[in-house]
Protein backbone atom coordinates (compact mmCIF):
# COMPACT_ATOMS: atom_id res chain seq x y z
CA UNK A 1 36.94 -18.17 18.36
CA UNK A 2 35.23 -21.34 19.49
CA UNK A 3 33.68 -21.89 16.04
CA UNK A 4 37.11 -21.35 14.45
CA UNK A 5 38.65 -23.91 16.81
CA UNK A 6 36.00 -26.46 15.87
CA UNK A 7 36.70 -25.87 12.18
CA UNK A 8 40.46 -26.23 12.79
CA UNK A 9 39.93 -29.55 14.63
CA UNK A 10 37.70 -30.94 11.87
CA UNK A 11 40.13 -29.88 9.14
CA UNK A 12 43.11 -31.16 11.14
CA UNK A 13 41.54 -34.60 11.59
CA UNK A 14 40.90 -34.78 7.86
CA UNK A 15 44.49 -33.74 7.11
CA UNK A 16 46.03 -36.29 9.50
CA UNK A 17 43.69 -39.02 8.33
CA UNK A 18 44.88 -38.44 4.78
CA UNK A 19 48.44 -39.51 5.58
CA UNK A 20 49.57 -42.97 4.46
CA UNK A 21 46.79 -43.54 1.93
CA UNK A 22 48.48 -46.78 0.87
CA UNK A 23 46.79 -48.44 3.81
CA UNK A 24 43.33 -47.24 4.90
CA UNK A 25 41.58 -49.47 7.47
CA UNK A 26 37.83 -49.46 7.91
CA UNK A 27 37.88 -47.15 10.93
CA UNK A 28 39.79 -44.52 8.91
CA UNK A 29 37.27 -44.77 6.08
CA UNK A 30 34.48 -44.21 8.59
CA UNK A 31 36.43 -41.29 10.02
CA UNK A 32 36.45 -39.65 6.57
CA UNK A 33 32.64 -39.83 6.51
CA UNK A 34 32.33 -38.42 10.03
CA UNK A 35 34.74 -35.57 9.20
CA UNK A 36 32.82 -34.72 6.01
CA UNK A 37 29.50 -34.64 7.87
CA UNK A 38 31.03 -32.54 10.64
CA UNK A 39 32.51 -30.07 8.14
CA UNK A 40 29.15 -29.72 6.37
CA UNK A 41 27.27 -29.15 9.62
CA UNK A 42 29.86 -26.62 10.73
CA UNK A 43 29.51 -24.63 7.51
CA UNK A 44 25.72 -24.92 7.68
CA UNK A 45 25.22 -23.71 11.25
CA UNK A 46 28.41 -22.10 12.62
CA UNK A 47 29.68 -18.91 10.94
CA UNK A 48 33.41 -18.26 11.39
CA UNK A 49 35.36 -15.06 10.97
CA UNK A 50 38.56 -15.37 8.90
CA UNK A 51 37.54 -18.92 7.97
CA UNK A 52 39.97 -19.14 5.06
CA UNK A 53 42.85 -18.21 7.38
CA UNK A 54 41.89 -21.13 9.65
CA UNK A 55 41.85 -23.56 6.75
CA UNK A 56 45.10 -22.15 5.40
CA UNK A 57 46.79 -22.58 8.77
CA UNK A 58 45.60 -26.21 8.93
CA UNK A 59 46.98 -26.85 5.41
CA UNK A 60 50.52 -25.71 6.38
CA UNK A 61 51.46 -29.11 7.92
CA UNK A 62 50.33 -30.83 4.72
CA UNK A 63 52.55 -28.54 2.67
CA UNK A 64 55.44 -29.28 5.01
CA UNK A 65 54.72 -33.01 4.59
CA UNK A 66 55.35 -32.61 0.86
CA UNK A 67 59.01 -32.05 1.60
CA UNK A 68 59.23 -35.20 3.72
CA UNK A 69 57.12 -37.54 1.59
CA UNK A 70 55.47 -36.28 -1.54
CA UNK A 71 52.74 -38.89 -1.65
CA UNK A 72 51.87 -38.47 2.03
CA UNK A 73 51.70 -34.69 1.59
CA UNK A 74 49.52 -34.97 -1.53
CA UNK A 75 47.24 -37.47 0.18
CA UNK A 76 46.88 -35.24 3.24
CA UNK A 77 46.04 -32.15 1.16
CA UNK A 78 43.58 -34.14 -1.00
CA UNK A 79 41.86 -35.47 2.12
CA UNK A 80 41.69 -31.93 3.52
CA UNK A 81 40.13 -30.61 0.32
CA UNK A 82 37.71 -33.48 -0.36
CA UNK A 83 36.50 -34.29 3.15
CA UNK A 84 36.80 -30.94 4.94
CA UNK A 85 36.90 -27.94 2.59
CA UNK A 86 34.31 -29.08 0.03
CA UNK A 87 31.68 -30.23 2.60
CA UNK A 88 32.30 -27.05 4.59
CA UNK A 89 31.78 -24.92 1.46
CA UNK A 90 28.57 -26.81 0.68
CA UNK A 91 27.28 -26.17 4.22
CA UNK A 92 28.19 -22.49 4.04
CA UNK A 93 26.40 -22.18 0.69
CA UNK A 94 23.26 -23.72 2.17
CA UNK A 95 23.48 -21.36 5.16
CA UNK A 96 23.80 -18.31 2.91
CA UNK A 97 20.92 -19.55 0.78
CA UNK A 98 18.71 -19.95 3.85
CA UNK A 99 19.71 -16.48 5.07
CA UNK A 100 18.76 -14.99 1.70
CA UNK A 101 15.38 -16.74 1.80
CA UNK A 102 14.75 -15.48 5.34
CA UNK A 103 15.81 -11.96 4.37
CA UNK A 104 13.40 -12.11 1.43
CA UNK A 105 10.57 -13.17 3.71
CA UNK A 106 11.31 -10.36 6.12
CA UNK A 107 11.41 -7.89 3.24
CA UNK A 108 8.06 -9.08 1.92
CA UNK A 109 6.58 -8.84 5.41
CA UNK A 110 7.96 -5.32 5.79
CA UNK A 111 6.52 -4.26 2.43
CA UNK A 112 3.13 -5.72 3.37
CA UNK A 113 3.18 -3.85 6.68
CA UNK A 114 4.16 -0.62 4.93
CA UNK A 115 1.38 -1.09 2.38
CA UNK A 116 -1.14 -1.76 5.16
CA UNK A 117 0.08 1.27 7.06
CA UNK A 118 -0.24 3.45 3.95
CA UNK A 119 -3.76 2.18 3.30
CA UNK A 120 -4.75 2.89 6.90
CA UNK A 121 -3.38 6.41 6.65
CA UNK A 122 -5.34 7.00 3.45
CA UNK A 123 -8.52 5.73 5.12
CA UNK A 124 -7.98 7.98 8.11
CA UNK A 125 -7.31 10.93 5.81
CA UNK A 126 -10.50 10.21 3.88
CA UNK A 127 -12.49 9.98 7.11
CA UNK A 128 -11.07 13.36 8.13
CA UNK A 129 -12.22 14.79 4.81
CA UNK A 130 -15.67 13.29 5.37
CA UNK A 131 -15.71 14.88 8.81
CA UNK A 132 -14.81 18.20 7.18
CA UNK A 133 -17.67 17.81 4.70
CA UNK A 134 -19.99 16.94 7.58
CA UNK A 135 -18.91 20.12 9.35
CA UNK A 136 -19.71 22.17 6.25
CA UNK A 137 -23.17 20.63 5.82
CA UNK A 138 -24.25 20.32 9.47
CA UNK A 139 -22.76 23.69 10.36
CA UNK A 140 -24.86 25.28 7.65
CA UNK A 141 -28.03 23.59 8.90
CA UNK A 142 -27.31 24.55 12.52
CA UNK A 143 -26.70 28.13 11.44
CA UNK A 144 -30.12 28.16 9.74
CA UNK A 145 -31.73 26.77 12.91
CA UNK A 146 -30.11 29.52 14.96
CA UNK A 147 -31.23 32.13 12.45
CA UNK A 148 -34.85 30.93 12.49
CA UNK A 149 -34.83 30.72 16.28
CA UNK A 150 -33.60 34.30 16.40
CA UNK A 151 -36.43 35.35 14.09
CA UNK A 152 -38.96 33.63 16.36
CA UNK A 153 -37.40 35.33 19.38
CA UNK A 154 -38.01 38.74 17.80
CA UNK A 155 -41.54 37.99 16.59
CA UNK A 156 -44.12 40.41 18.03
CA UNK A 157 -46.88 37.83 18.57
CA UNK A 158 -44.71 35.49 20.67
CA UNK A 159 -45.43 34.99 24.34
CA UNK A 160 -42.67 35.45 26.87
CA UNK A 161 -42.40 31.70 27.49
CA UNK A 162 -42.17 30.95 23.77
CA UNK A 163 -39.69 33.78 23.35
CA UNK A 164 -37.54 32.28 26.10
CA UNK A 165 -37.75 28.83 24.47
CA UNK A 166 -36.71 30.32 21.10
CA UNK A 167 -33.77 32.06 22.80
CA UNK A 168 -32.66 28.79 24.40
CA UNK A 169 -33.00 27.04 21.02
CA UNK A 170 -30.83 29.70 19.38
CA UNK A 171 -28.18 29.42 22.11
CA UNK A 172 -28.19 25.61 21.83
CA UNK A 173 -27.76 25.79 18.05
CA UNK A 174 -24.85 28.21 18.37
CA UNK A 175 -23.25 26.03 21.07
CA UNK A 176 -23.69 22.92 18.92
CA UNK A 177 -22.09 24.70 15.96
CA UNK A 178 -19.11 25.73 18.06
CA UNK A 179 -18.65 22.21 19.46
CA UNK A 180 -18.93 20.73 16.00
CA UNK A 181 -16.29 23.12 14.67
CA UNK A 182 -13.87 22.28 17.50
CA UNK A 183 -14.45 18.53 17.17
CA UNK A 184 -13.95 18.53 13.41
CA UNK A 185 -10.88 20.71 13.88
CA UNK A 186 -9.29 17.89 15.86
CA UNK A 187 -10.02 15.41 13.06
CA UNK A 188 -8.71 17.51 10.20
CA UNK A 189 -5.17 17.09 8.91
CA UNK A 190 -2.88 19.69 10.42
CA UNK A 191 -1.44 20.67 7.05
CA UNK A 192 -4.15 19.40 4.77
CA UNK A 193 -5.97 21.76 2.46
CA UNK A 194 -8.65 20.87 -0.04
CA UNK A 195 -7.61 21.26 -3.67
CA UNK A 196 -11.13 21.80 -4.95
CA UNK A 197 -13.38 24.78 -4.17
CA UNK A 198 -15.88 24.13 -1.36
CA UNK A 199 -19.43 23.29 -2.45
CA UNK A 200 -18.27 22.85 -6.05
CA UNK A 201 -20.82 21.00 -8.16
CA UNK A 202 -19.98 18.14 -10.48
CA UNK A 203 -20.93 20.34 -13.44
CA UNK A 204 -18.43 22.97 -12.31
CA UNK A 205 -15.80 20.26 -11.81
CA UNK A 206 -16.32 18.98 -15.35
CA UNK A 207 -16.21 22.50 -16.76
CA UNK A 208 -12.95 23.10 -14.92
CA UNK A 209 -11.49 19.91 -16.44
CA UNK A 210 -12.66 20.94 -19.93
CA UNK A 211 -11.03 24.35 -19.54
CA UNK A 212 -7.82 22.54 -18.60
CA UNK A 213 -7.89 20.72 -21.96
CA UNK A 214 -9.61 17.43 -21.19
CA UNK A 215 -12.35 16.00 -23.42
CA UNK A 216 -15.07 15.27 -20.85
CA UNK A 217 -18.78 14.58 -21.49
CA UNK A 218 -21.25 14.65 -18.60
CA UNK A 219 -24.64 12.91 -18.54
CA UNK A 220 -26.81 12.79 -15.45
CA UNK A 221 -30.49 11.96 -15.00
CA UNK A 222 -30.83 13.09 -11.37
CA UNK A 223 -30.84 16.85 -11.93
CA UNK A 224 -34.29 17.25 -10.39
CA UNK A 225 -33.27 15.44 -7.18
CA UNK A 226 -31.50 17.08 -4.28
CA UNK A 227 -28.64 14.91 -3.02
CA UNK A 228 -27.73 14.81 0.67
CA UNK A 229 -24.57 16.85 1.32
CA UNK A 230 -22.36 13.87 2.18
CA UNK A 231 -23.60 11.90 -0.81
CA UNK A 232 -23.10 14.89 -3.10
CA UNK A 233 -19.53 15.32 -1.84
CA UNK A 234 -18.84 11.61 -2.28
CA UNK A 235 -20.06 11.72 -5.90
CA UNK A 236 -17.90 14.79 -6.42
CA UNK A 237 -14.83 13.02 -4.97
CA UNK A 238 -15.34 9.96 -7.16
CA UNK A 239 -15.59 12.15 -10.25
CA UNK A 240 -12.63 14.29 -9.24
CA UNK A 241 -10.31 11.36 -8.50
CA UNK A 242 -11.33 9.56 -11.70
CA UNK A 243 -10.70 12.66 -13.83
CA UNK A 244 -7.33 13.10 -12.14
CA UNK A 245 -6.35 9.50 -12.92
CA UNK A 246 -7.54 9.85 -16.53
CA UNK A 247 -5.49 13.01 -17.01
CA UNK A 248 -2.48 11.36 -15.41
CA UNK A 249 -2.46 7.93 -17.03
CA UNK A 250 -4.48 8.45 -20.25
CA UNK A 251 -3.80 12.01 -21.46
CA UNK A 252 -5.80 12.98 -24.52
CA UNK A 253 -8.38 10.22 -24.04
CA UNK A 254 -12.10 10.95 -24.09
CA UNK A 255 -13.79 10.71 -20.70
CA UNK A 256 -17.48 10.05 -20.00
CA UNK A 257 -19.07 10.91 -16.66
CA UNK A 258 -22.48 9.32 -16.08
CA UNK A 259 -24.68 9.83 -13.00
CA UNK A 260 -27.84 7.72 -12.83
CA UNK A 261 -30.47 7.07 -10.20
CA UNK A 262 -32.71 4.02 -10.39
CA UNK A 263 -34.02 1.33 -8.06
CA UNK A 264 -32.89 3.19 -4.96
CA UNK A 265 -29.26 3.37 -6.12
CA UNK A 266 -27.22 6.35 -7.24
CA UNK A 267 -24.54 5.23 -9.70
CA UNK A 268 -21.55 7.38 -10.63
CA UNK A 269 -19.50 6.03 -13.54
CA UNK A 270 -16.39 7.64 -15.02
CA UNK A 271 -14.95 5.89 -18.07
CA UNK A 272 -11.99 6.92 -20.19
CA UNK A 273 -11.19 5.59 -23.65
CA UNK A 274 -7.74 4.25 -24.56
CA UNK A 275 -5.19 7.07 -24.88
CA UNK A 276 -4.05 8.03 -28.40
CA UNK A 277 -0.43 7.32 -27.45
CA UNK A 278 1.28 5.55 -24.62
CA UNK A 279 2.04 8.11 -21.91
CA UNK A 280 5.50 8.32 -20.39
CA UNK A 281 5.83 6.69 -16.97
CA UNK A 282 4.84 9.09 -14.20
CA UNK A 283 6.47 8.78 -10.81
CA UNK A 284 5.22 9.93 -7.45
CA UNK A 285 1.85 8.19 -7.48
CA UNK A 286 1.26 5.77 -4.68
CA UNK A 287 -2.03 4.35 -5.92
CA UNK A 288 -3.79 5.47 -2.74
CA UNK A 289 -6.53 7.56 -4.38
CA UNK A 290 -8.78 4.57 -5.00
CA UNK A 291 -8.16 3.34 -1.43
CA UNK A 292 -9.52 6.61 -0.09
CA UNK A 293 -12.48 6.48 -2.47
CA UNK A 294 -13.35 2.94 -1.38
CA UNK A 295 -13.28 4.00 2.26
CA UNK A 296 -15.54 6.99 1.62
CA UNK A 297 -17.98 4.93 -0.46
CA UNK A 298 -17.96 2.12 2.12
CA UNK A 299 -18.78 4.52 4.95
CA UNK A 300 -21.85 5.61 3.00
CA UNK A 301 -22.96 2.00 2.49
CA UNK A 302 -21.94 1.81 -1.16
CA UNK A 303 -19.52 -0.15 -3.31
CA UNK A 304 -16.76 0.93 -5.67
CA UNK A 305 -15.41 -0.95 -8.68
CA UNK A 306 -12.37 0.08 -10.72
CA UNK A 307 -10.61 -1.70 -13.55
CA UNK A 308 -9.80 -1.81 -17.26
CA UNK A 309 -12.63 -2.01 -19.76
CA UNK A 310 -11.24 -2.03 -23.30
CA UNK A 311 -8.37 -3.92 -24.87
CA UNK A 312 -5.41 -1.96 -26.07
CA UNK A 313 -5.48 -0.57 -29.58
CA UNK A 314 -3.81 -2.81 -32.20
CA UNK A 315 -1.18 -0.21 -33.09
CA UNK A 316 -0.32 0.60 -29.48
CA UNK A 317 2.30 -1.23 -27.46
CA UNK A 318 1.17 -2.98 -24.25
CA UNK A 319 0.90 -0.58 -21.31
CA UNK A 320 -1.17 -0.45 -18.10
CA UNK A 321 -3.04 2.57 -19.46
CA UNK A 322 -3.24 1.35 -23.05
CA UNK A 323 -6.85 0.22 -22.66
CA UNK A 324 -9.89 1.99 -21.28
CA UNK A 325 -10.52 2.31 -17.57
CA UNK A 326 -13.73 2.68 -15.61
CA UNK A 327 -14.55 3.66 -12.04
CA UNK A 328 -18.08 2.87 -10.86
CA UNK A 329 -19.47 3.88 -7.46
CA UNK A 330 -22.92 2.79 -6.29
CA UNK A 331 -24.63 4.47 -3.33
CA UNK A 332 -27.92 3.43 -1.73
CA UNK A 333 -30.20 6.46 -1.90
CA UNK A 334 -33.94 7.01 -2.13
CA UNK A 335 -35.18 10.61 -2.43
CA UNK A 336 -38.34 11.62 -0.58
CA UNK A 337 -41.57 12.58 -2.24
CA UNK A 338 -40.84 16.29 -1.73
CA UNK A 339 -37.66 16.06 -3.70
CA UNK A 340 -35.47 16.64 -0.64
CA UNK A 341 -32.88 14.13 0.42
CA UNK A 342 -34.15 11.22 2.45
């Protein structure tokens, strides 16, 4: 109500000051300027409910003045429109423009926070998957330790002290396995389930993709080396995610999977050629697969690069998947002289 009263006073002063335009002294001319500035500032900073009703109520005396003196009434209404309504409209337009800009900034900030939150969730999910892989690999090794300790415990040529030490070793290995399983169980997603078979090799993954209809060629020069379990699972995840993206965004394109080891670096490269035709837009993808891959590769001390490689074909319309695409992951790794993982 207070803002409406201020608007009514400003408009009323303009209306009254517009009477008797045949004689306008200097102080009335200055009053027009002050009223115009006040109307603009009011529209810029003070929102009013039912603002047009306020202005209409102020204009009623000017309409009544038309019946008394036409020129005085016209002058009053012209002064109201030129020095009150128009500046007020300009101020309100500027206020709405500033509100739109501020709303846009808040929206951009919200989208950035949502994107950051999504990326953090993907990283946490990928770390949980790494923890699951660690459970599979370390649990297997601890089970072997327990098994060998049990064999030593039953050996006939063992002394009683050594037999007791082997028994304690077996119990410790079993206890460590149980603690590892419970700890990893807390880190796993409550409803998450792996979509690929456990301990699946990259060769089996490629064969599964070929059976599904993809044209995939695999070349690797590290067949004689034994990869550490976590590194092997990371290479598998890079290949799996890259094949999934190729099938999704470049159906029918040829895909090359290359695994090389040189100069203490294991390099996994998955490249797809341009698709024969532009695929229809596919919804539902959030683009978080590469975020998870980067987190997994980073945790293993490696780097991941992903981006287009080839220009689009001349007879194909522009499209994000019209050219080739390559995903390259590099892991630091140096096998030992025995061929086992370092």
